[in-house]
Amino acid sequence: QVQLVESGGGLVQAGGSLRLSCAASATIFRFNVIAWYRQAPGNQREFVASITPAFNPNYADSVKGRFTISRDNAKNTVYLQMSSLKPEDTAVYYCSTGGMWGRGTQVTVSS
């Protein structure tokens, strides 16, 4: 079973940047679509971005132009570079693949 571990969250001011990482425990990772989701308090979990094994990205409209997803298959790791952060980006960010989820990392953007 693949284990996913997110890291890189924290507190940042509006307009700032953070880079999240999602490390997987198995090489099957490199053959899967990997996605980032987020969940703010009181809200449903929502899609943020995904990347295919062929490195094709897809983004939610709310983050297009601000977030960049990338992957390093040699390290079994996917990254989410977040720039121009807004208070509404505050949420727990989760990594997911093949129906499996990490425990999430908290991102808090202060105004």
PDB file of N, CA and C in Angstrom:
ATOM      1  N   GLN A   1       0.845  -1.186   0.000  1.00  0.00           N
ATOM      2  CA  GLN A   1       0.000   0.000   0.000  1.00  0.00           C
ATOM      3  C   GLN A   1       0.886   1.243   0.000  1.00  0.00           C
ATOM      4  N   VAL A   2       0.529   2.188  -0.864  1.00  0.00           N
ATOM      5  CA  VAL A   2       1.304   3.415  -0.960  1.00  0.00           C
ATOM      6  C   VAL A   2       0.973   4.321   0.215  1.00  0.00           C
ATOM      7  N   GLN A   3       2.001   4.873   0.825  1.00  0.00           N
ATOM      8  CA  GLN A   3       1.805   5.880   1.856  1.00  0.00           C
ATOM      9  C   GLN A   3       2.212   7.226   1.299  1.00  0.00           C
ATOM     10  N   LEU A   4       1.396   8.232   1.587  1.00  0.00           N
ATOM     11  CA  LEU A   4       1.635   9.577   1.097  1.00  0.00           C
ATOM     12  C   LEU A   4       1.863  10.494   2.283  1.00  0.00           C
ATOM     13  N   VAL A   5       2.914  11.290   2.217  1.00  0.00           N
ATOM     14  CA  VAL A   5       3.235  12.193   3.317  1.00  0.00           C
ATOM     15  C   VAL A   5       3.429  13.591   2.765  1.00  0.00           C
ATOM     16  N   GLU A   6       2.556  14.487   3.199  1.00  0.00           N
ATOM     17  CA  GLU A   6       2.650  15.876   2.773  1.00  0.00           C
ATOM     18  C   GLU A   6       3.509  16.678   3.744  1.00  0.00           C
ATOM     19  N   SER A   7       4.158  17.701   3.221  1.00  0.00           N
ATOM     20  CA  SER A   7       4.940  18.603   4.062  1.00  0.00           C
ATOM     21  C   SER A   7       5.037  19.953   3.383  1.00  0.00           C
ATOM     22  N   GLY A   8       5.509  20.943   4.125  1.00  0.00           N
ATOM     23  CA  GLY A   8       5.749  22.254   3.551  1.00  0.00           C
ATOM     24  C   GLY A   8       4.724  23.310   3.902  1.00  0.00           C
ATOM     25  N   GLY A   9       3.684  22.925   4.602  1.00  0.00           N
ATOM     26  CA  GLY A   9       2.673  23.908   4.985  1.00  0.00           C
ATOM     27  C   GLY A   9       3.203  24.857   6.047  1.00  0.00           C
ATOM     28  N   GLY A  10       2.410  25.885   6.314  1.00  0.00           N
ATOM     29  CA  GLY A  10       2.808  26.854   7.323  1.00  0.00           C
ATOM     30  C   GLY A  10       1.960  28.098   7.265  1.00  0.00           C
ATOM     31  N   LEU A  11       2.437  29.120   7.965  1.00  0.00           N
ATOM     32  CA  LEU A  11       1.758  30.410   8.014  1.00  0.00           C
ATOM     33  C   LEU A  11       2.509  31.393   7.124  1.00  0.00           C
ATOM     34  N   VAL A  12       1.781  32.069   6.260  1.00  0.00           N
ATOM     35  CA  VAL A  12       2.398  33.023   5.334  1.00  0.00           C
ATOM     36  C   VAL A  12       1.466  34.209   5.157  1.00  0.00           C
ATOM     37  N   GLN A  13       2.025  35.357   4.876  1.00  0.00           N
ATOM     38  CA  GLN A  13       1.203  36.533   4.621  1.00  0.00           C
ATOM     39  C   GLN A  13       0.643  36.502   3.204  1.00  0.00           C
ATOM     40  N   ALA A  14      -0.461  37.173   3.028  1.00  0.00           N
ATOM     41  CA  ALA A  14      -1.051  37.282   1.696  1.00  0.00           C
ATOM     42  C   ALA A  14      -0.014  37.829   0.717  1.00  0.00           C
ATOM     43  N   GLY A  15       0.012  37.225  -0.467  1.00  0.00           N
ATOM     44  CA  GLY A  15       1.003  37.599  -1.473  1.00  0.00           C
ATOM     45  C   GLY A  15       2.265  36.774  -1.418  1.00  0.00           C
ATOM     46  N   GLY A  16       2.420  35.993  -0.365  1.00  0.00           N
ATOM     47  CA  GLY A  16       3.601  35.173  -0.200  1.00  0.00           C
ATOM     48  C   GLY A  16       3.527  33.862  -0.947  1.00  0.00           C
ATOM     49  N   SER A  17       4.540  33.030  -0.712  1.00  0.00           N
ATOM     50  CA  SER A  17       4.654  31.754  -1.418  1.00  0.00           C
ATOM     51  C   SER A  17       4.981  30.627  -0.450  1.00  0.00           C
ATOM     52  N   LEU A  18       4.583  29.439  -0.845  1.00  0.00           N
ATOM     53  CA  LEU A  18       4.936  28.214  -0.147  1.00  0.00           C
ATOM     54  C   LEU A  18       5.093  27.108  -1.181  1.00  0.00           C
ATOM     55  N   ARG A  19       5.910  26.118  -0.834  1.00  0.00           N
ATOM     56  CA  ARG A  19       6.015  24.937  -1.683  1.00  0.00           C
ATOM     57  C   ARG A  19       5.671  23.710  -0.845  1.00  0.00           C
ATOM     58  N   LEU A  20       4.647  23.018  -1.283  1.00  0.00           N
ATOM     59  CA  LEU A  20       4.253  21.778  -0.630  1.00  0.00           C
ATOM     60  C   LEU A  20       4.905  20.599  -1.335  1.00  0.00           C
ATOM     61  N   SER A  21       5.180  19.571  -0.558  1.00  0.00           N
ATOM     62  CA  SER A  21       5.725  18.333  -1.111  1.00  0.00           C
ATOM     63  C   SER A  21       4.844  17.171  -0.701  1.00  0.00           C
ATOM     64  N   CYS A  22       4.775  16.195  -1.583  1.00  0.00           N
ATOM     65  CA  CYS A  22       4.065  14.947  -1.296  1.00  0.00           C
ATOM     66  C   CYS A  22       5.002  13.810  -1.656  1.00  0.00           C
ATOM     67  N   ALA A  23       5.454  13.098  -0.659  1.00  0.00           N
ATOM     68  CA  ALA A  23       6.379  11.989  -0.878  1.00  0.00           C
ATOM     69  C   ALA A  23       5.627  10.674  -0.753  1.00  0.00           C
ATOM     70  N   ALA A  24       5.877   9.778  -1.691  1.00  0.00           N
ATOM     71  CA  ALA A  24       5.213   8.480  -1.684  1.00  0.00           C
ATOM     72  C   ALA A  24       6.206   7.385  -1.335  1.00  0.00           C
ATOM     73  N   SER A  25       5.659   6.304  -0.838  1.00  0.00           N
ATOM     74  CA  SER A  25       6.522   5.227  -0.335  1.00  0.00           C
ATOM     75  C   SER A  25       6.817   4.163  -1.373  1.00  0.00           C
ATOM     76  N   ALA A  26       6.211   4.294  -2.561  1.00  0.00           N
ATOM     77  CA  ALA A  26       6.385   3.222  -3.539  1.00  0.00           C
ATOM     78  C   ALA A  26       6.589   3.784  -4.933  1.00  0.00           C
ATOM     79  N   THR A  27       7.301   3.035  -5.757  1.00  0.00           N
ATOM     80  CA  THR A  27       7.597   3.509  -7.105  1.00  0.00           C
ATOM     81  C   THR A  27       6.387   3.478  -8.016  1.00  0.00           C
ATOM     82  N   ILE A  28       5.290   2.819  -7.585  1.00  0.00           N
ATOM     83  CA  ILE A  28       4.076   2.833  -8.401  1.00  0.00           C
ATOM     84  C   ILE A  28       3.582   4.261  -8.585  1.00  0.00           C
ATOM     85  N   PHE A  29       4.005   5.091  -7.675  1.00  0.00           N
ATOM     86  CA  PHE A  29       3.682   6.515  -7.705  1.00  0.00           C
ATOM     87  C   PHE A  29       3.928   7.113  -9.087  1.00  0.00           C
ATOM     88  N   ARG A  30       5.044   6.716  -9.702  1.00  0.00           N
ATOM     89  CA  ARG A  30       5.435   7.361 -10.951  1.00  0.00           C
ATOM     90  C   ARG A  30       4.529   6.993 -12.117  1.00  0.00           C
ATOM     91  N   PHE A  31       3.659   5.987 -11.951  1.00  0.00           N
ATOM     92  CA  PHE A  31       2.759   5.587 -13.026  1.00  0.00           C
ATOM     93  C   PHE A  31       1.344   6.124 -12.827  1.00  0.00           C
ATOM     94  N   ASN A  32       1.148   6.891 -11.760  1.00  0.00           N
ATOM     95  CA  ASN A  32      -0.193   7.362 -11.412  1.00  0.00           C
ATOM     96  C   ASN A  32      -0.360   8.858 -11.603  1.00  0.00           C
ATOM     97  N   VAL A  33      -1.615   9.245 -11.837  1.00  0.00           N
ATOM     98  CA  VAL A  33      -1.959  10.657 -11.710  1.00  0.00           C
ATOM     99  C   VAL A  33      -1.923  11.000 -10.225  1.00  0.00           C
ATOM    100  N   ILE A  34      -1.287  12.097  -9.898  1.00  0.00           N
ATOM    101  CA  ILE A  34      -1.204  12.562  -8.520  1.00  0.00           C
ATOM    102  C   ILE A  34      -1.956  13.887  -8.424  1.00  0.00           C
ATOM    103  N   ALA A  35      -2.750  14.022  -7.399  1.00  0.00           N
ATOM    104  CA  ALA A  35      -3.559  15.230  -7.262  1.00  0.00           C
ATOM    105  C   ALA A  35      -3.399  15.868  -5.883  1.00  0.00           C
ATOM    106  N   TRP A  36      -3.574  17.163  -5.867  1.00  0.00           N
ATOM    107  CA  TRP A  36      -3.679  17.918  -4.621  1.00  0.00           C
ATOM    108  C   TRP A  36      -5.129  18.382  -4.460  1.00  0.00           C
ATOM    109  N   TYR A  37      -5.605  18.235  -3.236  1.00  0.00           N
ATOM    110  CA  TYR A  37      -6.914  18.736  -2.855  1.00  0.00           C
ATOM    111  C   TYR A  37      -6.727  19.614  -1.613  1.00  0.00           C
ATOM    112  N   ARG A  38      -7.759  20.369  -1.297  1.00  0.00           N
ATOM    113  CA  ARG A  38      -7.703  21.149  -0.061  1.00  0.00           C
ATOM    114  C   ARG A  38      -9.081  21.200   0.578  1.00  0.00           C
ATOM    115  N   GLN A  39      -9.067  21.411   1.881  1.00  0.00           N
ATOM    116  CA  GLN A  39     -10.324  21.503   2.608  1.00  0.00           C
ATOM    117  C   GLN A  39     -10.205  22.579   3.665  1.00  0.00           C
ATOM    118  N   ALA A  40     -11.031  23.605   3.511  1.00  0.00           N
ATOM    119  CA  ALA A  40     -11.089  24.682   4.483  1.00  0.00           C
ATOM    120  C   ALA A  40     -12.162  24.350   5.524  1.00  0.00           C
ATOM    121  N   PRO A  41     -12.067  24.910   6.712  1.00  0.00           N
ATOM    122  CA  PRO A  41     -13.064  24.633   7.752  1.00  0.00           C
ATOM    123  C   PRO A  41     -14.475  24.928   7.266  1.00  0.00           C
ATOM    124  N   GLY A  42     -15.365  23.950   7.451  1.00  0.00           N
ATOM    125  CA  GLY A  42     -16.747  24.127   7.054  1.00  0.00           C
ATOM    126  C   GLY A  42     -17.027  23.900   5.586  1.00  0.00           C
ATOM    127  N   ASN A  43     -15.980  23.627   4.821  1.00  0.00           N
ATOM    128  CA  ASN A  43     -16.140  23.424   3.379  1.00  0.00           C
ATOM    129  C   ASN A  43     -15.856  21.980   2.993  1.00  0.00           C
ATOM    130  N   GLN A  44     -16.349  21.616   1.814  1.00  0.00           N
ATOM    131  CA  GLN A  44     -16.018  20.302   1.286  1.00  0.00           C
ATOM    132  C   GLN A  44     -14.605  20.308   0.723  1.00  0.00           C
ATOM    133  N   ARG A  45     -14.030  19.129   0.659  1.00  0.00           N
ATOM    134  CA  ARG A  45     -12.713  19.006   0.048  1.00  0.00           C
ATOM    135  C   ARG A  45     -12.839  19.340  -1.441  1.00  0.00           C
ATOM    136  N   GLU A  46     -11.900  20.119  -1.953  1.00  0.00           N
ATOM    137  CA  GLU A  46     -11.966  20.525  -3.355  1.00  0.00           C
ATOM    138  C   GLU A  46     -10.658  20.251  -4.079  1.00  0.00           C
ATOM    139  N   PHE A  47     -10.796  20.015  -5.350  1.00  0.00           N
ATOM    140  CA  PHE A  47      -9.646  19.757  -6.220  1.00  0.00           C
ATOM    141  C   PHE A  47      -8.831  21.034  -6.393  1.00  0.00           C
ATOM    142  N   VAL A  48      -7.513  20.865  -6.372  1.00  0.00           N
ATOM    143  CA  VAL A  48      -6.609  21.995  -6.588  1.00  0.00           C
ATOM    144  C   VAL A  48      -5.826  21.833  -7.884  1.00  0.00           C
ATOM    145  N   ALA A  49      -5.148  20.694  -8.010  1.00  0.00           N
ATOM    146  CA  ALA A  49      -4.308  20.475  -9.186  1.00  0.00           C
ATOM    147  C   ALA A  49      -3.976  18.994  -9.282  1.00  0.00           C
ATOM    148  N   SER A  50      -3.608  18.580 -10.496  1.00  0.00           N
ATOM    149  CA  SER A  50      -3.170  17.211 -10.703  1.00  0.00           C
ATOM    150  C   SER A  50      -2.103  17.178 -11.788  1.00  0.00           C
ATOM    151  N   ILE A  51      -1.378  16.076 -11.812  1.00  0.00           N
ATOM    152  CA  ILE A  51      -0.343  15.911 -12.830  1.00  0.00           C
ATOM    153  C   ILE A  51      -0.301  14.452 -13.249  1.00  0.00           C
ATOM    154  N   THR A  52      -0.236  14.218 -14.552  1.00  0.00           N
ATOM    155  CA  THR A  52      -0.232  12.864 -15.082  1.00  0.00           C
ATOM    156  C   THR A  52       1.186  12.288 -15.088  1.00  0.00           C
ATOM    157  N   PRO A  53       1.300  10.984 -15.331  1.00  0.00           N
ATOM    158  CA  PRO A  53       2.645  10.406 -15.454  1.00  0.00           C
ATOM    159  C   PRO A  53       3.454  11.042 -16.585  1.00  0.00           C
ATOM    160  N   ALA A  54       2.758  11.610 -17.571  1.00  0.00           N
ATOM    161  CA  ALA A  54       3.435  12.292 -18.681  1.00  0.00           C
ATOM    162  C   ALA A  54       3.683  13.759 -18.381  1.00  0.00           C
ATOM    163  N   PHE A  55       3.489  14.139 -17.132  1.00  0.00           N
ATOM    164  CA  PHE A  55       3.792  15.494 -16.650  1.00  0.00           C
ATOM    165  C   PHE A  55       2.810  16.543 -17.158  1.00  0.00           C
ATOM    166  N   ASN A  56       1.611  16.125 -17.536  1.00  0.00           N
ATOM    167  CA  ASN A  56       0.597  17.088 -17.957  1.00  0.00           C
ATOM    168  C   ASN A  56      -0.177  17.576 -16.736  1.00  0.00           C
ATOM    169  N   PRO A  57      -0.191  18.897 -16.504  1.00  0.00           N
ATOM    170  CA  PRO A  57      -0.882  19.425 -15.326  1.00  0.00           C
ATOM    171  C   PRO A  57      -2.320  19.828 -15.617  1.00  0.00           C
ATOM    172  N   ASN A  58      -3.091  19.896 -14.552  1.00  0.00           N
ATOM    173  CA  ASN A  58      -4.458  20.396 -14.627  1.00  0.00           C
ATOM    174  C   ASN A  58      -4.705  21.181 -13.340  1.00  0.00           C
ATOM    175  N   TYR A  59      -5.411  22.294 -13.451  1.00  0.00           N
ATOM    176  CA  TYR A  59      -5.597  23.172 -12.298  1.00  0.00           C
ATOM    177  C   TYR A  59      -7.053  23.585 -12.135  1.00  0.00           C
ATOM    178  N   ALA A  60      -7.426  23.792 -10.892  1.00  0.00           N
ATOM    179  CA  ALA A  60      -8.706  24.432 -10.621  1.00  0.00           C
ATOM    180  C   ALA A  60      -8.618  25.893 -11.069  1.00  0.00           C
ATOM    181  N   ASP A  61      -9.739  26.438 -11.512  1.00  0.00           N
ATOM    182  CA  ASP A  61      -9.735  27.821 -11.987  1.00  0.00           C
ATOM    183  C   ASP A  61      -9.249  28.784 -10.906  1.00  0.00           C
ATOM    184  N   SER A  62      -9.528  28.456  -9.665  1.00  0.00           N
ATOM    185  CA  SER A  62      -9.202  29.363  -8.560  1.00  0.00           C
ATOM    186  C   SER A  62      -7.703  29.502  -8.323  1.00  0.00           C
ATOM    187  N   VAL A  63      -6.904  28.573  -8.861  1.00  0.00           N
ATOM    188  CA  VAL A  63      -5.455  28.630  -8.611  1.00  0.00           C
ATOM    189  C   VAL A  63      -4.639  28.796  -9.889  1.00  0.00           C
ATOM    190  N   LYS A  64      -5.283  28.777 -11.025  1.00  0.00           N
ATOM    191  CA  LYS A  64      -4.564  28.924 -12.292  1.00  0.00           C
ATOM    192  C   LYS A  64      -3.757  30.217 -12.311  1.00  0.00           C
ATOM    193  N   GLY A  65      -2.514  30.094 -12.761  1.00  0.00           N
ATOM    194  CA  GLY A  65      -1.646  31.257 -12.833  1.00  0.00           C
ATOM    195  C   GLY A  65      -0.928  31.568 -11.531  1.00  0.00           C
ATOM    196  N   ARG A  66      -1.335  30.920 -10.451  1.00  0.00           N
ATOM    197  CA  ARG A  66      -0.690  31.156  -9.151  1.00  0.00           C
ATOM    198  C   ARG A  66       0.020  29.913  -8.619  1.00  0.00           C
ATOM    199  N   PHE A  67      -0.524  28.739  -8.891  1.00  0.00           N
ATOM    200  CA  PHE A  67       0.034  27.486  -8.395  1.00  0.00           C
ATOM    201  C   PHE A  67       0.649  26.713  -9.558  1.00  0.00           C
ATOM    202  N   THR A  68       1.703  25.982  -9.256  1.00  0.00           N
ATOM    203  CA  THR A  68       2.345  25.122 -10.242  1.00  0.00           C
ATOM    204  C   THR A  68       2.598  23.759  -9.625  1.00  0.00           C
ATOM    205  N   ILE A  69       2.107  22.730 -10.300  1.00  0.00           N
ATOM    206  CA  ILE A  69       2.336  21.358  -9.837  1.00  0.00           C
ATOM    207  C   ILE A  69       3.456  20.742 -10.662  1.00  0.00           C
ATOM    208  N   SER A  70       4.289  19.968 -10.006  1.00  0.00           N
ATOM    209  CA  SER A  70       5.385  19.292 -10.706  1.00  0.00           C
ATOM    210  C   SER A  70       5.660  17.976  -9.996  1.00  0.00           C
ATOM    211  N   ARG A  71       6.435  17.117 -10.659  1.00  0.00           N
ATOM    212  CA  ARG A  71       6.747  15.836 -10.047  1.00  0.00           C
ATOM    213  C   ARG A  71       8.187  15.462 -10.341  1.00  0.00           C
ATOM    214  N   ASP A  72       8.766  14.724  -9.419  1.00  0.00           N
ATOM    215  CA  ASP A  72      10.108  14.165  -9.572  1.00  0.00           C
ATOM    216  C   ASP A  72       9.963  12.661  -9.353  1.00  0.00           C
ATOM    217  N   ASN A  73       9.886  11.924 -10.430  1.00  0.00           N
ATOM    218  CA  ASN A  73       9.647  10.487 -10.306  1.00  0.00           C
ATOM    219  C   ASN A  73      10.822   9.761  -9.655  1.00  0.00           C
ATOM    220  N   ALA A  74      12.001  10.281  -9.827  1.00  0.00           N
ATOM    221  CA  ALA A  74      13.169   9.647  -9.203  1.00  0.00           C
ATOM    222  C   ALA A  74      13.090   9.710  -7.677  1.00  0.00           C
ATOM    223  N   LYS A  75      12.377  10.723  -7.187  1.00  0.00           N
ATOM    224  CA  LYS A  75      12.228  10.888  -5.744  1.00  0.00           C
ATOM    225  C   LYS A  75      10.844  10.499  -5.256  1.00  0.00           C
ATOM    226  N   ASN A  76      10.002  10.019  -6.178  1.00  0.00           N
ATOM    227  CA  ASN A  76       8.612   9.681  -5.823  1.00  0.00           C
ATOM    228  C   ASN A  76       7.939  10.848  -5.093  1.00  0.00           C
ATOM    229  N   THR A  77       8.124  12.033  -5.633  1.00  0.00           N
ATOM    230  CA  THR A  77       7.635  13.228  -4.954  1.00  0.00           C
ATOM    231  C   THR A  77       6.921  14.151  -5.938  1.00  0.00           C
ATOM    232  N   VAL A  78       5.830  14.716  -5.476  1.00  0.00           N
ATOM    233  CA  VAL A  78       5.108  15.730  -6.230  1.00  0.00           C
ATOM    234  C   VAL A  78       5.134  17.019  -5.422  1.00  0.00           C
ATOM    235  N   TYR A  79       5.262  18.125  -6.124  1.00  0.00           N
ATOM    236  CA  TYR A  79       5.352  19.427  -5.482  1.00  0.00           C
ATOM    237  C   TYR A  79       4.176  20.318  -5.908  1.00  0.00           C
ATOM    238  N   LEU A  80       3.827  21.211  -5.035  1.00  0.00           N
ATOM    239  CA  LEU A  80       2.846  22.240  -5.371  1.00  0.00           C
ATOM    240  C   LEU A  80       3.446  23.579  -4.966  1.00  0.00           C
ATOM    241  N   GLN A  81       3.905  24.319  -5.952  1.00  0.00           N
ATOM    242  CA  GLN A  81       4.442  25.650  -5.710  1.00  0.00           C
ATOM    243  C   GLN A  81       3.278  26.628  -5.717  1.00  0.00           C
ATOM    244  N   MET A  82       3.103  27.315  -4.610  1.00  0.00           N
ATOM    245  CA  MET A  82       1.969  28.227  -4.451  1.00  0.00           C
ATOM    246  C   MET A  82       2.499  29.651  -4.315  1.00  0.00           C
ATOM    247  N   SER A  83       2.052  30.525  -5.191  1.00  0.00           N
ATOM    248  CA  SER A  83       2.491  31.918  -5.166  1.00  0.00           C
ATOM    249  C   SER A  83       1.272  32.832  -5.114  1.00  0.00           C
ATOM    250  N   SER A  84       1.528  34.098  -4.816  1.00  0.00           N
ATOM    251  CA  SER A  84       0.441  35.089  -4.714  1.00  0.00           C
ATOM    252  C   SER A  84      -0.699  34.553  -3.856  1.00  0.00           C
ATOM    253  N   LEU A  85      -0.337  34.008  -2.731  1.00  0.00           N
ATOM    254  CA  LEU A  85      -1.334  33.372  -1.871  1.00  0.00           C
ATOM    255  C   LEU A  85      -2.334  34.377  -1.326  1.00  0.00           C
ATOM    256  N   LYS A  86      -3.558  33.891  -1.162  1.00  0.00           N
ATOM    257  CA  LYS A  86      -4.662  34.708  -0.676  1.00  0.00           C
ATOM    258  C   LYS A  86      -5.216  34.077   0.597  1.00  0.00           C
ATOM    259  N   PRO A  87      -5.867  34.859   1.431  1.00  0.00           N
ATOM    260  CA  PRO A  87      -6.464  34.268   2.642  1.00  0.00           C
ATOM    261  C   PRO A  87      -7.422  33.128   2.334  1.00  0.00           C
ATOM    262  N   GLU A  88      -8.079  33.192   1.198  1.00  0.00           N
ATOM    263  CA  GLU A  88      -9.009  32.118   0.835  1.00  0.00           C
ATOM    264  C   GLU A  88      -8.309  30.831   0.426  1.00  0.00           C
ATOM    265  N   ASP A  89      -6.991  30.848   0.334  1.00  0.00           N
ATOM    266  CA  ASP A  89      -6.224  29.620   0.090  1.00  0.00           C
ATOM    267  C   ASP A  89      -5.986  28.853   1.392  1.00  0.00           C
ATOM    268  N   THR A  90      -6.351  29.441   2.511  1.00  0.00           N
ATOM    269  CA  THR A  90      -6.169  28.774   3.786  1.00  0.00           C
ATOM    270  C   THR A  90      -6.974  27.483   3.838  1.00  0.00           C
ATOM    271  N   ALA A  91      -6.296  26.395   4.133  1.00  0.00           N
ATOM    272  CA  ALA A  91      -6.939  25.079   4.141  1.00  0.00           C
ATOM    273  C   ALA A  91      -5.911  24.035   4.548  1.00  0.00           C
ATOM    274  N   VAL A  92      -6.396  22.831   4.761  1.00  0.00           N
ATOM    275  CA  VAL A  92      -5.509  21.674   4.850  1.00  0.00           C
ATOM    276  C   VAL A  92      -5.376  21.119   3.442  1.00  0.00           C
ATOM    277  N   TYR A  93      -4.154  20.935   3.009  1.00  0.00           N
ATOM    278  CA  TYR A  93      -3.869  20.454   1.658  1.00  0.00           C
ATOM    279  C   TYR A  93      -3.498  18.973   1.721  1.00  0.00           C
ATOM    280  N   TYR A  94      -4.159  18.203   0.861  1.00  0.00           N
ATOM    281  CA  TYR A  94      -3.981  16.760   0.828  1.00  0.00           C
ATOM    282  C   TYR A  94      -3.450  16.327  -0.533  1.00  0.00           C
ATOM    283  N   CYS A  95      -2.632  15.304  -0.493  1.00  0.00           N
ATOM    284  CA  CYS A  95      -2.135  14.641  -1.686  1.00  0.00           C
ATOM    285  C   CYS A  95      -2.912  13.337  -1.847  1.00  0.00           C
ATOM    286  N   SER A  96      -3.193  12.972  -3.100  1.00  0.00           N
ATOM    287  CA  SER A  96      -3.982  11.763  -3.337  1.00  0.00           C
ATOM    288  C   SER A  96      -3.571  11.074  -4.622  1.00  0.00           C
ATOM    289  N   THR A  97      -3.622   9.756  -4.599  1.00  0.00           N
ATOM    290  CA  THR A  97      -3.445   8.962  -5.791  1.00  0.00           C
ATOM    291  C   THR A  97      -4.071   7.597  -5.586  1.00  0.00           C
ATOM    292  N   GLY A  98      -4.692   7.065  -6.637  1.00  0.00           N
ATOM    293  CA  GLY A  98      -5.253   5.733  -6.567  1.00  0.00           C
ATOM    294  C   GLY A  98      -6.217   5.497  -5.418  1.00  0.00           C
ATOM    295  N   GLY A  99      -6.957   6.522  -5.042  1.00  0.00           N
ATOM    296  CA  GLY A  99      -7.908   6.376  -3.944  1.00  0.00           C
ATOM    297  C   GLY A  99      -7.296   6.499  -2.562  1.00  0.00           C
ATOM    298  N   MET A 100      -5.987   6.750  -2.514  1.00  0.00           N
ATOM    299  CA  MET A 100      -5.306   6.876  -1.229  1.00  0.00           C
ATOM    300  C   MET A 100      -5.025   8.341  -0.937  1.00  0.00           C
ATOM    301  N   TRP A 101      -4.952   8.654   0.347  1.00  0.00           N
ATOM    302  CA  TRP A 101      -4.778  10.031   0.795  1.00  0.00           C
ATOM    303  C   TRP A 101      -3.699  10.128   1.849  1.00  0.00           C
ATOM    304  N   GLY A 102      -3.005  11.266   1.838  1.00  0.00           N
ATOM    305  CA  GLY A 102      -2.123  11.569   2.944  1.00  0.00           C
ATOM    306  C   GLY A 102      -2.919  12.192   4.076  1.00  0.00           C
ATOM    307  N   ARG A 103      -2.203  12.583   5.137  1.00  0.00           N
ATOM    308  CA  ARG A 103      -2.862  13.171   6.300  1.00  0.00           C
ATOM    309  C   ARG A 103      -3.033  14.671   6.173  1.00  0.00           C
ATOM    310  N   GLY A 104      -2.379  15.266   5.213  1.00  0.00           N
ATOM    311  CA  GLY A 104      -2.565  16.682   4.963  1.00  0.00           C
ATOM    312  C   GLY A 104      -1.529  17.560   5.642  1.00  0.00           C
ATOM    313  N   THR A 105      -1.416  18.779   5.128  1.00  0.00           N
ATOM    314  CA  THR A 105      -0.548  19.788   5.714  1.00  0.00           C
ATOM    315  C   THR A 105      -1.301  21.118   5.727  1.00  0.00           C
ATOM    316  N   GLN A 106      -1.228  21.815   6.850  1.00  0.00           N
ATOM    317  CA  GLN A 106      -2.004  23.038   7.020  1.00  0.00           C
ATOM    318  C   GLN A 106      -1.306  24.221   6.361  1.00  0.00           C
ATOM    319  N   VAL A 107      -2.078  24.959   5.579  1.00  0.00           N
ATOM    320  CA  VAL A 107      -1.611  26.215   4.988  1.00  0.00           C
ATOM    321  C   VAL A 107      -2.517  27.326   5.511  1.00  0.00           C
ATOM    322  N   THR A 108      -1.914  28.328   6.109  1.00  0.00           N
ATOM    323  CA  THR A 108      -2.671  29.456   6.633  1.00  0.00           C
ATOM    324  C   THR A 108      -2.111  30.741   6.025  1.00  0.00           C
ATOM    325  N   VAL A 109      -2.980  31.503   5.386  1.00  0.00           N
ATOM    326  CA  VAL A 109      -2.574  32.754   4.753  1.00  0.00           C
ATOM    327  C   VAL A 109      -3.242  33.905   5.508  1.00  0.00           C
ATOM    328  N   SER A 110      -2.423  34.753   6.079  1.00  0.00           N
ATOM    329  CA  SER A 110      -2.958  35.882   6.838  1.00  0.00           C
ATOM    330  C   SER A 110      -3.102  37.107   5.945  1.00  0.00           C
ATOM    331  N   SER A 111      -4.095  37.911   6.255  1.00  0.00           N
ATOM    332  CA  SER A 111      -4.349  39.115   5.434  1.00  0.00           C
ATOM    333  C   SER A 111      -3.579  40.309   5.955  1.00  0.00           C
TER     334      SER A 111
END
